[in-house]
């Protein structure tokens, strides 16, 4: 479903022109701004369906913009895709931990960016419609949330409580990348004392127990993990 309103924030004129052309051609309504200050003002005024937000902006940078938006109840629900320079892993991790929904590195393929935009908007519509069922299905993998049970092709898989929580946390928003600390906070709460390497141990155990479905949990190098969309 196109016609969604997208706010594009970037101080590079050629990037703005490219994004406007690609997105408008696919039916989206585009508003472009070039500074963090304008991004905040415009987001509050128009409440777009999605924000494409460059990290490197003059004045208020993209990470600060994301933080302000996610801390404001009026704008916290707006999905944000960060645009980052290639290799800036620290910015990617910070953006995700601030609440960004995804990221795209520059230079980017317009087709890849369009696919990311569609995926984030699709997830947003599912959440608004309350379509997150008590049963999650990803390929041959079925997760029964209420009963804390996992099946592969009808065969039950024995998981520890923590393994189940990690799997459910990732699978509840397939395609979204989570850092190790986001997984810790989501599973145990912010006050739980555990190292990020403990997450790697849980993921390794999950993949082994899931067997043929272990590849559904993907490692995003330098960032964290996600479950295939």
N, C-alpha and C. Protein backbone atom coordinates (compact mmCIF):
# COMPACT_ATOMS: atom_id res chain seq x y z
N UNK A 1 0.85 -1.19 0.00
CA UNK A 1 0.00 0.00 0.00
C UNK A 1 0.88 1.23 0.00
N UNK A 2 0.86 1.98 -1.08
CA UNK A 2 1.64 3.21 -1.15
C UNK A 2 0.79 4.36 -0.57
N UNK A 3 1.10 5.56 -0.96
CA UNK A 3 0.44 6.76 -0.44
C UNK A 3 0.84 7.11 0.98
N UNK A 4 1.67 6.29 1.63
CA UNK A 4 2.16 6.67 2.94
C UNK A 4 3.06 7.89 2.82
N UNK A 5 3.09 8.67 3.88
CA UNK A 5 3.89 9.89 3.89
C UNK A 5 5.26 9.60 4.52
N UNK A 6 6.31 9.93 3.77
CA UNK A 6 7.66 9.67 4.24
C UNK A 6 8.42 10.99 4.35
N UNK A 7 9.02 11.20 5.50
CA UNK A 7 9.89 12.36 5.72
C UNK A 7 11.33 11.93 5.49
N UNK A 8 11.99 12.57 4.52
CA UNK A 8 13.38 12.25 4.20
C UNK A 8 14.27 13.37 4.73
N UNK A 9 15.28 13.00 5.52
CA UNK A 9 16.17 13.98 6.15
C UNK A 9 17.61 13.70 5.75
N UNK A 10 18.19 14.59 4.95
CA UNK A 10 19.57 14.43 4.51
C UNK A 10 20.07 15.79 4.02
N UNK A 11 21.33 16.10 4.30
CA UNK A 11 21.86 17.41 3.89
C UNK A 11 22.58 17.34 2.54
N UNK A 12 22.58 16.17 1.90
CA UNK A 12 23.18 16.05 0.57
C UNK A 12 22.08 16.15 -0.48
N UNK A 13 22.16 17.19 -1.30
CA UNK A 13 21.09 17.46 -2.26
C UNK A 13 20.88 16.30 -3.24
N UNK A 14 21.97 15.67 -3.67
CA UNK A 14 21.83 14.58 -4.64
C UNK A 14 21.14 13.37 -4.02
N UNK A 15 21.40 13.13 -2.73
CA UNK A 15 20.74 12.03 -2.03
C UNK A 15 19.25 12.32 -1.90
N UNK A 16 18.92 13.56 -1.53
CA UNK A 16 17.52 13.94 -1.42
C UNK A 16 16.79 13.76 -2.75
N UNK A 17 17.42 14.19 -3.82
CA UNK A 17 16.79 14.08 -5.14
C UNK A 17 16.57 12.62 -5.52
N UNK A 18 17.58 11.78 -5.23
CA UNK A 18 17.46 10.36 -5.55
C UNK A 18 16.34 9.71 -4.76
N UNK A 19 16.32 9.96 -3.46
CA UNK A 19 15.30 9.36 -2.61
C UNK A 19 13.90 9.85 -2.99
N UNK A 20 13.79 11.12 -3.27
CA UNK A 20 12.50 11.67 -3.66
C UNK A 20 12.00 11.01 -4.95
N UNK A 21 12.91 10.85 -5.91
CA UNK A 21 12.53 10.26 -7.19
C UNK A 21 12.09 8.80 -7.01
N UNK A 22 12.91 8.01 -6.30
CA UNK A 22 12.63 6.58 -6.15
C UNK A 22 11.34 6.35 -5.38
N UNK A 23 11.17 7.09 -4.29
CA UNK A 23 10.01 6.86 -3.43
C UNK A 23 8.72 7.40 -4.07
N UNK A 24 8.80 8.59 -4.66
CA UNK A 24 7.61 9.16 -5.31
C UNK A 24 7.17 8.30 -6.48
N UNK A 25 8.13 7.75 -7.21
CA UNK A 25 7.81 6.88 -8.35
C UNK A 25 7.02 5.66 -7.89
N UNK A 26 7.22 5.25 -6.66
CA UNK A 26 6.51 4.09 -6.12
C UNK A 26 5.28 4.46 -5.29
N UNK A 27 4.85 5.69 -5.43
CA UNK A 27 3.56 6.09 -4.87
C UNK A 27 3.59 6.72 -3.49
N UNK A 28 4.77 6.93 -2.92
CA UNK A 28 4.83 7.52 -1.60
C UNK A 28 4.81 9.05 -1.69
N UNK A 29 4.27 9.67 -0.67
CA UNK A 29 4.23 11.13 -0.59
C UNK A 29 5.45 11.59 0.21
N UNK A 30 6.30 12.37 -0.43
CA UNK A 30 7.61 12.67 0.14
C UNK A 30 7.72 14.13 0.58
N UNK A 31 8.29 14.32 1.76
CA UNK A 31 8.68 15.65 2.24
C UNK A 31 10.17 15.58 2.56
N UNK A 32 10.95 16.53 2.06
CA UNK A 32 12.40 16.53 2.27
C UNK A 32 12.84 17.72 3.10
N UNK A 33 13.73 17.48 4.06
CA UNK A 33 14.37 18.54 4.82
C UNK A 33 15.85 18.22 4.95
N UNK A 34 16.65 19.23 5.29
CA UNK A 34 18.11 19.05 5.26
C UNK A 34 18.79 19.21 6.61
N UNK A 35 18.05 19.53 7.67
CA UNK A 35 18.67 19.72 8.98
C UNK A 35 17.90 18.98 10.06
N UNK A 36 18.59 18.73 11.17
CA UNK A 36 17.94 18.07 12.28
C UNK A 36 16.83 18.90 12.89
N UNK A 37 17.05 20.20 12.96
CA UNK A 37 16.02 21.08 13.51
C UNK A 37 14.75 21.03 12.68
N UNK A 38 14.91 21.09 11.36
CA UNK A 38 13.74 21.01 10.48
C UNK A 38 13.08 19.63 10.56
N UNK A 39 13.89 18.60 10.75
CA UNK A 39 13.34 17.26 10.86
C UNK A 39 12.42 17.15 12.07
N UNK A 40 12.86 17.68 13.21
CA UNK A 40 12.04 17.62 14.42
C UNK A 40 10.75 18.41 14.26
N UNK A 41 10.86 19.62 13.71
CA UNK A 41 9.67 20.46 13.54
C UNK A 41 8.69 19.83 12.56
N UNK A 42 9.21 19.30 11.46
CA UNK A 42 8.34 18.72 10.44
C UNK A 42 7.71 17.42 10.93
N UNK A 43 8.46 16.61 11.64
CA UNK A 43 7.92 15.35 12.16
C UNK A 43 6.78 15.62 13.14
N UNK A 44 6.95 16.60 13.99
CA UNK A 44 5.89 16.93 14.95
C UNK A 44 4.65 17.46 14.26
N UNK A 45 4.86 18.20 13.19
CA UNK A 45 3.73 18.83 12.51
C UNK A 45 2.96 17.85 11.62
N UNK A 46 3.69 17.02 10.86
CA UNK A 46 3.02 16.16 9.87
C UNK A 46 2.79 14.73 10.34
N UNK A 47 3.52 14.28 11.38
CA UNK A 47 3.42 12.90 11.86
C UNK A 47 3.46 11.90 10.69
N UNK A 48 4.60 11.82 10.02
CA UNK A 48 4.71 10.95 8.84
C UNK A 48 4.57 9.48 9.21
N UNK A 49 4.39 8.66 8.19
CA UNK A 49 4.30 7.21 8.41
C UNK A 49 5.67 6.58 8.56
N UNK A 50 6.70 7.28 8.10
CA UNK A 50 8.07 6.77 8.18
C UNK A 50 9.04 7.93 8.03
N UNK A 51 10.20 7.81 8.69
CA UNK A 51 11.26 8.82 8.54
C UNK A 51 12.53 8.12 8.07
N UNK A 52 13.10 8.62 6.98
CA UNK A 52 14.43 8.22 6.53
C UNK A 52 15.39 9.28 7.04
N UNK A 53 16.27 8.91 7.94
CA UNK A 53 17.03 9.89 8.71
C UNK A 53 18.54 9.67 8.59
N UNK A 54 19.22 10.62 7.98
CA UNK A 54 20.68 10.55 7.88
C UNK A 54 21.32 10.81 9.23
N UNK A 55 22.38 10.10 9.54
CA UNK A 55 23.07 10.29 10.81
C UNK A 55 23.85 11.60 10.83
N UNK A 56 24.60 11.85 9.77
CA UNK A 56 25.47 13.02 9.72
C UNK A 56 24.71 14.24 9.19
N UNK A 57 24.22 15.06 10.12
CA UNK A 57 23.49 16.26 9.76
C UNK A 57 24.14 17.47 10.42
N UNK A 58 24.04 18.63 9.81
CA UNK A 58 24.56 19.85 10.45
C UNK A 58 23.70 20.21 11.66
N UNK A 59 24.32 20.77 12.69
CA UNK A 59 23.56 21.13 13.88
C UNK A 59 23.19 19.90 14.67
N UNK A 60 21.89 19.68 14.86
CA UNK A 60 21.40 18.50 15.57
C UNK A 60 21.56 17.29 14.65
N UNK A 61 22.38 16.31 15.07
CA UNK A 61 22.62 15.17 14.17
C UNK A 61 21.47 14.18 14.23
N UNK A 62 21.55 13.17 13.34
CA UNK A 62 20.45 12.22 13.21
C UNK A 62 20.20 11.40 14.46
N UNK A 63 21.26 11.05 15.19
CA UNK A 63 21.08 10.26 16.41
C UNK A 63 20.31 11.06 17.45
N UNK A 64 20.63 12.34 17.58
CA UNK A 64 19.90 13.19 18.53
C UNK A 64 18.45 13.37 18.09
N UNK A 65 18.23 13.51 16.78
CA UNK A 65 16.87 13.62 16.27
C UNK A 65 16.07 12.38 16.64
N UNK A 66 16.67 11.21 16.40
CA UNK A 66 16.00 9.95 16.72
C UNK A 66 15.67 9.86 18.20
N UNK A 67 16.62 10.24 19.04
CA UNK A 67 16.42 10.19 20.49
C UNK A 67 15.26 11.08 20.91
N UNK A 68 15.21 12.29 20.38
CA UNK A 68 14.14 13.22 20.74
C UNK A 68 12.79 12.68 20.28
N UNK A 69 12.73 12.18 19.06
CA UNK A 69 11.47 11.66 18.52
C UNK A 69 10.97 10.47 19.32
N UNK A 70 11.87 9.57 19.68
CA UNK A 70 11.46 8.36 20.41
C UNK A 70 11.11 8.63 21.86
N UNK A 71 11.56 9.77 22.39
CA UNK A 71 11.22 10.14 23.76
C UNK A 71 9.97 11.01 23.85
N UNK A 72 9.40 11.34 22.70
CA UNK A 72 8.19 12.15 22.65
C UNK A 72 7.00 11.24 22.36
N UNK A 73 6.02 11.12 23.26
CA UNK A 73 4.88 10.23 23.03
C UNK A 73 4.14 10.51 21.72
N UNK A 74 4.19 11.74 21.26
CA UNK A 74 3.49 12.10 20.02
C UNK A 74 4.16 11.52 18.79
N UNK A 75 5.48 11.32 18.85
CA UNK A 75 6.22 10.86 17.67
C UNK A 75 6.91 9.52 17.88
N UNK A 76 6.83 8.96 19.06
CA UNK A 76 7.58 7.72 19.37
C UNK A 76 7.17 6.56 18.48
N UNK A 77 5.94 6.56 17.99
CA UNK A 77 5.44 5.44 17.18
C UNK A 77 5.93 5.48 15.74
N UNK A 78 6.51 6.60 15.30
CA UNK A 78 6.90 6.75 13.89
C UNK A 78 8.13 5.89 13.61
N UNK A 79 8.07 4.97 12.65
CA UNK A 79 9.25 4.16 12.32
C UNK A 79 10.37 5.03 11.75
N UNK A 80 11.61 4.69 12.10
CA UNK A 80 12.77 5.43 11.63
C UNK A 80 13.77 4.47 10.98
N UNK A 81 14.18 4.77 9.77
CA UNK A 81 15.28 4.05 9.12
C UNK A 81 16.46 5.00 9.05
N UNK A 82 17.57 4.62 9.66
CA UNK A 82 18.75 5.46 9.67
C UNK A 82 19.55 5.26 8.38
N UNK A 83 20.09 6.36 7.85
CA UNK A 83 21.01 6.31 6.72
C UNK A 83 22.41 6.60 7.27
N UNK A 84 23.32 5.65 7.12
CA UNK A 84 24.64 5.79 7.73
C UNK A 84 25.74 5.59 6.69
N UNK A 85 26.90 6.17 6.98
CA UNK A 85 28.06 5.95 6.13
C UNK A 85 28.53 4.51 6.29
N UNK A 86 29.05 3.93 5.21
CA UNK A 86 29.48 2.54 5.25
C UNK A 86 30.56 2.35 6.31
N UNK A 87 30.36 1.34 7.14
CA UNK A 87 31.36 1.00 8.14
C UNK A 87 31.21 1.70 9.47
N UNK A 88 30.23 2.60 9.60
CA UNK A 88 30.04 3.31 10.87
C UNK A 88 29.20 2.46 11.82
N UNK A 89 29.81 1.36 12.30
CA UNK A 89 29.07 0.41 13.12
C UNK A 89 28.58 1.03 14.43
N UNK A 90 29.37 1.90 15.01
CA UNK A 90 28.98 2.53 16.28
C UNK A 90 27.69 3.32 16.10
N UNK A 91 27.57 4.06 14.99
CA UNK A 91 26.36 4.83 14.73
C UNK A 91 25.16 3.92 14.52
N UNK A 92 25.38 2.80 13.83
CA UNK A 92 24.29 1.86 13.60
C UNK A 92 23.77 1.31 14.92
N UNK A 93 24.68 0.87 15.77
CA UNK A 93 24.29 0.30 17.06
C UNK A 93 23.58 1.34 17.91
N UNK A 94 24.14 2.56 17.97
CA UNK A 94 23.51 3.61 18.76
C UNK A 94 22.11 3.92 18.24
N UNK A 95 21.96 4.02 16.93
CA UNK A 95 20.65 4.30 16.36
C UNK A 95 19.63 3.24 16.70
N UNK A 96 20.01 1.98 16.60
CA UNK A 96 19.09 0.89 16.93
C UNK A 96 18.72 0.93 18.41
N UNK A 97 19.69 1.22 19.26
CA UNK A 97 19.41 1.26 20.69
C UNK A 97 18.55 2.47 21.07
N UNK A 98 18.58 3.50 20.24
CA UNK A 98 17.72 4.67 20.48
C UNK A 98 16.30 4.43 20.00
N UNK A 99 16.09 3.34 19.26
CA UNK A 99 14.73 3.02 18.82
C UNK A 99 14.53 2.99 17.32
N UNK A 100 15.59 3.22 16.54
CA UNK A 100 15.45 3.13 15.08
C UNK A 100 15.03 1.72 14.69
N UNK A 101 14.24 1.62 13.63
CA UNK A 101 13.70 0.32 13.22
C UNK A 101 14.62 -0.43 12.27
N UNK A 102 15.44 0.27 11.54
CA UNK A 102 16.34 -0.37 10.58
C UNK A 102 17.39 0.64 10.17
N UNK A 103 18.32 0.21 9.33
CA UNK A 103 19.34 1.12 8.84
C UNK A 103 19.71 0.73 7.41
N UNK A 104 20.19 1.68 6.65
CA UNK A 104 20.70 1.45 5.30
C UNK A 104 22.02 2.19 5.19
N UNK A 105 23.07 1.51 4.71
CA UNK A 105 24.37 2.15 4.60
C UNK A 105 24.56 2.78 3.23
N UNK A 106 25.24 3.91 3.23
CA UNK A 106 25.58 4.58 1.97
C UNK A 106 26.94 4.08 1.48
N UNK A 107 27.12 3.96 0.17
CA UNK A 107 26.12 4.14 -0.88
C UNK A 107 25.15 2.97 -0.87
N UNK A 108 23.89 3.21 -1.25
CA UNK A 108 22.89 2.17 -1.16
C UNK A 108 22.25 1.91 -2.54
N UNK A 109 21.72 0.72 -2.65
CA UNK A 109 20.95 0.37 -3.84
C UNK A 109 19.53 0.87 -3.65
N UNK A 110 18.99 1.64 -4.60
CA UNK A 110 17.60 2.11 -4.48
C UNK A 110 16.61 0.96 -4.28
N UNK A 111 16.88 -0.19 -4.91
CA UNK A 111 15.97 -1.32 -4.76
C UNK A 111 16.01 -1.88 -3.35
N UNK A 112 17.21 -1.93 -2.77
CA UNK A 112 17.33 -2.42 -1.40
C UNK A 112 16.65 -1.45 -0.44
N UNK A 113 16.88 -0.16 -0.61
CA UNK A 113 16.25 0.82 0.25
C UNK A 113 14.74 0.74 0.16
N UNK A 114 14.22 0.60 -1.06
CA UNK A 114 12.78 0.51 -1.24
C UNK A 114 12.22 -0.73 -0.54
N UNK A 115 12.96 -1.83 -0.61
CA UNK A 115 12.52 -3.05 0.06
C UNK A 115 12.49 -2.85 1.58
N UNK A 116 13.50 -2.16 2.11
CA UNK A 116 13.54 -1.89 3.56
C UNK A 116 12.36 -1.00 3.97
N UNK A 117 12.09 0.01 3.16
CA UNK A 117 10.97 0.91 3.44
C UNK A 117 9.66 0.13 3.48
N UNK A 118 9.45 -0.69 2.48
CA UNK A 118 8.21 -1.47 2.43
C UNK A 118 8.09 -2.41 3.62
N UNK A 119 9.21 -3.03 3.99
CA UNK A 119 9.19 -3.98 5.11
C UNK A 119 8.85 -3.29 6.42
N UNK A 120 9.45 -2.14 6.67
CA UNK A 120 9.19 -1.42 7.92
C UNK A 120 7.74 -0.91 7.96
N UNK A 121 7.26 -0.39 6.85
CA UNK A 121 5.87 0.07 6.81
C UNK A 121 4.89 -1.10 6.99
N UNK A 122 5.23 -2.23 6.40
CA UNK A 122 4.36 -3.41 6.52
C UNK A 122 4.28 -3.87 7.96
N UNK A 123 5.42 -3.89 8.64
CA UNK A 123 5.42 -4.28 10.05
C UNK A 123 4.61 -3.30 10.89
N UNK A 124 4.74 -2.00 10.57
CA UNK A 124 3.99 -1.00 11.30
C UNK A 124 2.49 -1.18 11.15
N UNK A 125 2.05 -1.52 9.94
CA UNK A 125 0.62 -1.73 9.72
C UNK A 125 0.13 -2.95 10.49
N UNK A 126 0.95 -4.00 10.53
CA UNK A 126 0.55 -5.20 11.27
C UNK A 126 0.40 -4.90 12.75
N UNK A 127 1.31 -4.09 13.30
CA UNK A 127 1.26 -3.77 14.72
C UNK A 127 0.05 -2.91 15.04
N UNK A 128 -0.22 -1.92 14.18
CA UNK A 128 -1.38 -1.05 14.41
C UNK A 128 -2.66 -1.86 14.36
N UNK A 129 -2.71 -2.82 13.45
CA UNK A 129 -3.92 -3.64 13.29
C UNK A 129 -4.02 -4.73 14.35
N UNK A 130 -3.01 -4.82 15.19
CA UNK A 130 -3.03 -5.83 16.25
C UNK A 130 -2.91 -7.24 15.71
N UNK A 131 -2.13 -7.41 14.66
CA UNK A 131 -2.05 -8.71 14.02
C UNK A 131 -0.98 -9.61 14.63
N UNK A 132 -0.31 -9.16 15.67
CA UNK A 132 0.68 -10.01 16.30
C UNK A 132 -0.03 -11.10 17.09
N UNK A 133 -0.07 -12.30 16.53
CA UNK A 133 -0.83 -13.41 17.09
C UNK A 133 -0.08 -14.03 18.26
N UNK A 134 -0.82 -14.84 19.03
CA UNK A 134 -0.16 -15.59 20.10
C UNK A 134 0.64 -16.74 19.51
N UNK A 135 0.46 -16.99 18.22
CA UNK A 135 1.26 -18.00 17.52
C UNK A 135 2.04 -17.33 16.39
N UNK A 136 3.35 -17.44 16.43
CA UNK A 136 4.21 -16.89 15.39
C UNK A 136 4.70 -18.01 14.50
N UNK A 137 4.66 -17.80 13.19
CA UNK A 137 5.11 -18.82 12.24
C UNK A 137 6.15 -18.22 11.31
N UNK A 138 7.31 -18.84 11.27
CA UNK A 138 8.39 -18.43 10.38
C UNK A 138 8.89 -19.68 9.68
N UNK A 139 8.51 -19.85 8.42
CA UNK A 139 8.86 -21.07 7.71
C UNK A 139 8.29 -22.28 8.41
N UNK A 140 9.15 -23.27 8.70
CA UNK A 140 8.69 -24.48 9.39
C UNK A 140 8.62 -24.30 10.91
N UNK A 141 9.02 -23.12 11.37
CA UNK A 141 9.10 -22.86 12.81
C UNK A 141 7.82 -22.22 13.33
N UNK A 142 7.24 -22.81 14.36
CA UNK A 142 6.03 -22.27 14.99
C UNK A 142 6.32 -22.01 16.46
N UNK A 143 5.99 -20.80 16.92
CA UNK A 143 6.21 -20.41 18.31
C UNK A 143 4.85 -20.13 18.93
N UNK A 144 4.46 -20.91 19.91
CA UNK A 144 3.22 -20.69 20.65
C UNK A 144 3.57 -19.88 21.89
N UNK A 145 3.18 -18.60 21.86
CA UNK A 145 3.59 -17.68 22.91
C UNK A 145 2.94 -18.02 24.24
N UNK A 146 1.65 -18.27 24.23
CA UNK A 146 0.92 -18.53 25.48
C UNK A 146 1.43 -19.78 26.19
N UNK A 147 1.76 -20.80 25.43
CA UNK A 147 2.17 -22.07 26.02
C UNK A 147 3.68 -22.23 26.10
N UNK A 148 4.41 -21.23 25.63
CA UNK A 148 5.88 -21.29 25.65
C UNK A 148 6.38 -22.57 24.99
N UNK A 149 5.84 -22.85 23.81
CA UNK A 149 6.22 -24.05 23.08
C UNK A 149 6.71 -23.68 21.68
N UNK A 150 7.68 -24.46 21.20
CA UNK A 150 8.24 -24.24 19.87
C UNK A 150 8.20 -25.56 19.12
N UNK A 151 7.76 -25.50 17.85
CA UNK A 151 7.66 -26.69 17.03
C UNK A 151 8.36 -26.46 15.69
N UNK A 152 8.98 -27.51 15.17
CA UNK A 152 9.52 -27.51 13.82
C UNK A 152 8.87 -28.67 13.06
N UNK A 153 8.08 -28.32 12.06
CA UNK A 153 7.32 -29.33 11.31
C UNK A 153 6.52 -30.24 12.24
N UNK A 154 5.95 -29.64 13.28
CA UNK A 154 5.11 -30.39 14.21
C UNK A 154 5.84 -31.07 15.34
N UNK A 155 7.16 -31.09 15.29
CA UNK A 155 7.95 -31.73 16.35
C UNK A 155 8.33 -30.71 17.41
N UNK A 156 8.01 -30.96 18.69
CA UNK A 156 8.34 -29.99 19.75
C UNK A 156 9.84 -29.89 19.98
N UNK A 157 10.30 -28.67 20.25
CA UNK A 157 11.72 -28.40 20.52
C UNK A 157 11.85 -27.93 21.96
N UNK A 158 12.71 -28.57 22.71
CA UNK A 158 12.90 -28.21 24.11
C UNK A 158 13.88 -27.03 24.22
N UNK A 159 13.38 -25.91 24.74
CA UNK A 159 14.22 -24.74 24.96
C UNK A 159 14.19 -24.34 26.42
N UNK A 160 15.27 -23.73 26.90
CA UNK A 160 15.24 -23.15 28.24
C UNK A 160 14.36 -21.90 28.21
N UNK A 161 14.00 -21.42 29.39
CA UNK A 161 13.17 -20.23 29.46
C UNK A 161 13.83 -19.05 28.75
N UNK A 162 15.13 -18.87 29.00
CA UNK A 162 15.84 -17.74 28.40
C UNK A 162 15.94 -17.90 26.88
N UNK A 163 16.21 -19.11 26.42
CA UNK A 163 16.28 -19.34 24.97
C UNK A 163 14.95 -19.01 24.31
N UNK A 164 13.86 -19.43 24.96
CA UNK A 164 12.53 -19.12 24.40
C UNK A 164 12.31 -17.61 24.35
N UNK A 165 12.67 -16.92 25.42
CA UNK A 165 12.47 -15.47 25.48
C UNK A 165 13.28 -14.77 24.39
N UNK A 166 14.51 -15.19 24.17
CA UNK A 166 15.35 -14.58 23.13
C UNK A 166 14.73 -14.84 21.75
N UNK A 167 14.31 -16.08 21.51
CA UNK A 167 13.71 -16.42 20.21
C UNK A 167 12.44 -15.62 19.97
N UNK A 168 11.59 -15.56 20.97
CA UNK A 168 10.34 -14.81 20.82
C UNK A 168 10.61 -13.33 20.60
N UNK A 169 11.56 -12.77 21.33
CA UNK A 169 11.89 -11.35 21.19
C UNK A 169 12.31 -11.03 19.76
N UNK A 170 13.17 -11.86 19.19
CA UNK A 170 13.63 -11.63 17.82
C UNK A 170 12.52 -11.91 16.80
N UNK A 171 11.76 -12.98 17.02
CA UNK A 171 10.76 -13.40 16.04
C UNK A 171 9.53 -12.50 16.04
N UNK A 172 9.31 -11.75 17.12
CA UNK A 172 8.11 -10.90 17.18
C UNK A 172 8.18 -9.75 16.19
N UNK A 173 9.41 -9.40 15.75
CA UNK A 173 9.57 -8.38 14.71
C UNK A 173 10.61 -8.88 13.72
N UNK A 174 10.24 -9.85 12.90
CA UNK A 174 11.21 -10.43 11.96
C UNK A 174 11.76 -9.38 11.00
N UNK A 175 13.05 -9.47 10.74
CA UNK A 175 13.70 -8.53 9.85
C UNK A 175 14.38 -7.39 10.57
N UNK A 176 13.93 -7.07 11.77
CA UNK A 176 14.55 -5.97 12.52
C UNK A 176 15.82 -6.46 13.22
N UNK A 177 16.87 -5.66 13.14
CA UNK A 177 18.13 -6.00 13.77
C UNK A 177 18.16 -5.46 15.20
N UNK A 178 18.56 -6.32 16.13
CA UNK A 178 18.69 -5.91 17.53
C UNK A 178 20.13 -6.08 17.98
N UNK A 179 20.64 -5.09 18.70
CA UNK A 179 21.96 -5.24 19.29
C UNK A 179 21.87 -6.20 20.47
N UNK A 180 23.01 -6.65 20.94
CA UNK A 180 23.02 -7.57 22.08
C UNK A 180 22.39 -6.94 23.31
N UNK A 181 22.66 -5.65 23.53
CA UNK A 181 22.11 -5.01 24.72
C UNK A 181 20.61 -4.77 24.59
N UNK A 182 20.11 -4.57 23.37
CA UNK A 182 18.66 -4.49 23.19
C UNK A 182 18.01 -5.83 23.52
N UNK A 183 18.65 -6.92 23.13
CA UNK A 183 18.11 -8.24 23.44
C UNK A 183 18.10 -8.46 24.95
N UNK A 184 19.17 -8.07 25.61
CA UNK A 184 19.22 -8.20 27.08
C UNK A 184 18.08 -7.41 27.72
N UNK A 185 17.91 -6.14 27.30
CA UNK A 185 16.86 -5.30 27.88
C UNK A 185 15.48 -5.87 27.59
N UNK A 186 15.28 -6.37 26.36
CA UNK A 186 13.98 -6.88 25.98
C UNK A 186 13.60 -8.17 26.68
N UNK A 187 14.59 -8.98 26.99
CA UNK A 187 14.32 -10.29 27.59
C UNK A 187 14.31 -10.23 29.10
N UNK A 188 15.24 -9.50 29.67
CA UNK A 188 15.41 -9.52 31.13
C UNK A 188 15.08 -8.21 31.82
N UNK A 189 14.97 -7.14 31.06
CA UNK A 189 14.77 -5.84 31.69
C UNK A 189 16.08 -5.11 31.83
N UNK A 190 16.02 -3.80 31.93
CA UNK A 190 17.21 -2.97 31.89
C UNK A 190 18.15 -3.18 33.07
N UNK A 191 17.62 -3.71 34.18
CA UNK A 191 18.45 -3.85 35.38
C UNK A 191 19.11 -5.22 35.49
N UNK A 192 18.91 -6.06 34.50
CA UNK A 192 19.50 -7.39 34.56
C UNK A 192 20.99 -7.32 34.25
N UNK A 193 21.79 -7.86 35.14
CA UNK A 193 23.23 -7.78 34.99
C UNK A 193 23.74 -9.00 34.20
N UNK A 194 24.15 -8.77 32.96
CA UNK A 194 24.64 -9.84 32.12
C UNK A 194 25.53 -9.21 31.05
N UNK A 195 26.49 -9.96 30.56
CA UNK A 195 27.37 -9.42 29.53
C UNK A 195 26.79 -9.68 28.15
N UNK A 196 27.26 -8.88 27.18
CA UNK A 196 26.76 -9.07 25.83
C UNK A 196 27.15 -10.42 25.26
N UNK A 197 28.26 -11.00 25.74
CA UNK A 197 28.68 -12.31 25.25
C UNK A 197 27.73 -13.41 25.67
N UNK A 198 26.98 -13.19 26.75
CA UNK A 198 25.98 -14.17 27.16
C UNK A 198 24.91 -14.34 26.09
N UNK A 199 24.62 -13.25 25.37
CA UNK A 199 23.65 -13.32 24.29
C UNK A 199 24.18 -14.24 23.19
N UNK A 200 25.47 -14.14 22.89
CA UNK A 200 26.06 -15.01 21.87
C UNK A 200 25.91 -16.48 22.26
N UNK A 201 26.06 -16.76 23.54
CA UNK A 201 25.92 -18.14 24.02
C UNK A 201 24.49 -18.63 23.82
N UNK A 202 23.51 -17.77 24.15
CA UNK A 202 22.11 -18.13 23.97
C UNK A 202 21.79 -18.37 22.50
N UNK A 203 22.29 -17.50 21.63
CA UNK A 203 22.04 -17.65 20.20
C UNK A 203 22.65 -18.94 19.68
N UNK A 204 23.87 -19.25 20.10
CA UNK A 204 24.52 -20.49 19.67
C UNK A 204 23.71 -21.71 20.10
N UNK A 205 23.21 -21.68 21.34
CA UNK A 205 22.38 -22.78 21.83
C UNK A 205 21.08 -22.90 21.06
N UNK A 206 20.47 -21.77 20.75
CA UNK A 206 19.23 -21.76 19.97
C UNK A 206 19.44 -22.37 18.60
N UNK A 207 20.47 -21.91 17.91
CA UNK A 207 20.73 -22.42 16.56
C UNK A 207 20.93 -23.93 16.56
N UNK A 208 21.65 -24.42 17.56
CA UNK A 208 21.90 -25.86 17.64
C UNK A 208 20.61 -26.63 17.85
N UNK A 209 19.76 -26.14 18.76
CA UNK A 209 18.50 -26.83 19.05
C UNK A 209 17.49 -26.72 17.90
N UNK A 210 17.54 -25.61 17.17
CA UNK A 210 16.61 -25.43 16.06
C UNK A 210 17.02 -26.23 14.83
N UNK A 211 18.25 -26.72 14.81
CA UNK A 211 18.69 -27.58 13.73
C UNK A 211 18.54 -26.94 12.36
N UNK A 212 17.68 -27.54 11.52
CA UNK A 212 17.50 -27.05 10.14
C UNK A 212 16.93 -25.64 10.08
N UNK A 213 16.33 -25.18 11.18
CA UNK A 213 15.77 -23.82 11.22
C UNK A 213 16.72 -22.83 11.90
N UNK A 214 17.90 -23.31 12.30
CA UNK A 214 18.85 -22.43 12.98
C UNK A 214 19.27 -21.24 12.14
N UNK A 215 19.25 -21.42 10.80
CA UNK A 215 19.68 -20.33 9.92
C UNK A 215 18.70 -19.17 9.89
N UNK A 216 17.51 -19.36 10.47
CA UNK A 216 16.55 -18.25 10.53
C UNK A 216 17.08 -17.12 11.41
N UNK A 217 17.95 -17.45 12.35
CA UNK A 217 18.57 -16.41 13.19
C UNK A 217 19.85 -15.97 12.52
N UNK A 218 19.87 -14.75 12.04
CA UNK A 218 21.00 -14.24 11.28
C UNK A 218 21.86 -13.32 12.13
N UNK A 219 23.16 -13.43 11.93
CA UNK A 219 24.11 -12.51 12.56
C UNK A 219 24.33 -11.32 11.62
N UNK A 220 24.16 -10.13 12.14
CA UNK A 220 24.48 -8.92 11.38
C UNK A 220 25.79 -8.40 11.96
N UNK A 221 26.85 -8.61 11.22
CA UNK A 221 28.20 -8.38 11.74
C UNK A 221 28.36 -6.95 12.27
N UNK A 222 28.88 -6.85 13.47
CA UNK A 222 29.14 -5.56 14.07
C UNK A 222 27.92 -4.90 14.69
N UNK A 223 26.76 -5.53 14.55
CA UNK A 223 25.52 -4.92 15.06
C UNK A 223 24.81 -5.83 16.05
N UNK A 224 24.38 -7.00 15.60
CA UNK A 224 23.64 -7.89 16.49
C UNK A 224 22.99 -9.03 15.73
N UNK A 225 21.72 -9.28 16.01
CA UNK A 225 21.03 -10.42 15.44
C UNK A 225 19.63 -10.02 14.95
N UNK A 226 19.11 -10.86 14.04
CA UNK A 226 17.72 -10.71 13.62
C UNK A 226 17.20 -12.07 13.17
N UNK A 227 15.88 -12.19 13.16
CA UNK A 227 15.24 -13.37 12.58
C UNK A 227 14.80 -13.03 11.18
N UNK A 228 15.03 -13.92 10.23
CA UNK A 228 14.68 -13.68 8.84
C UNK A 228 13.24 -13.24 8.69
N UNK A 229 13.02 -12.26 7.82
CA UNK A 229 11.65 -11.81 7.53
C UNK A 229 11.00 -12.77 6.55
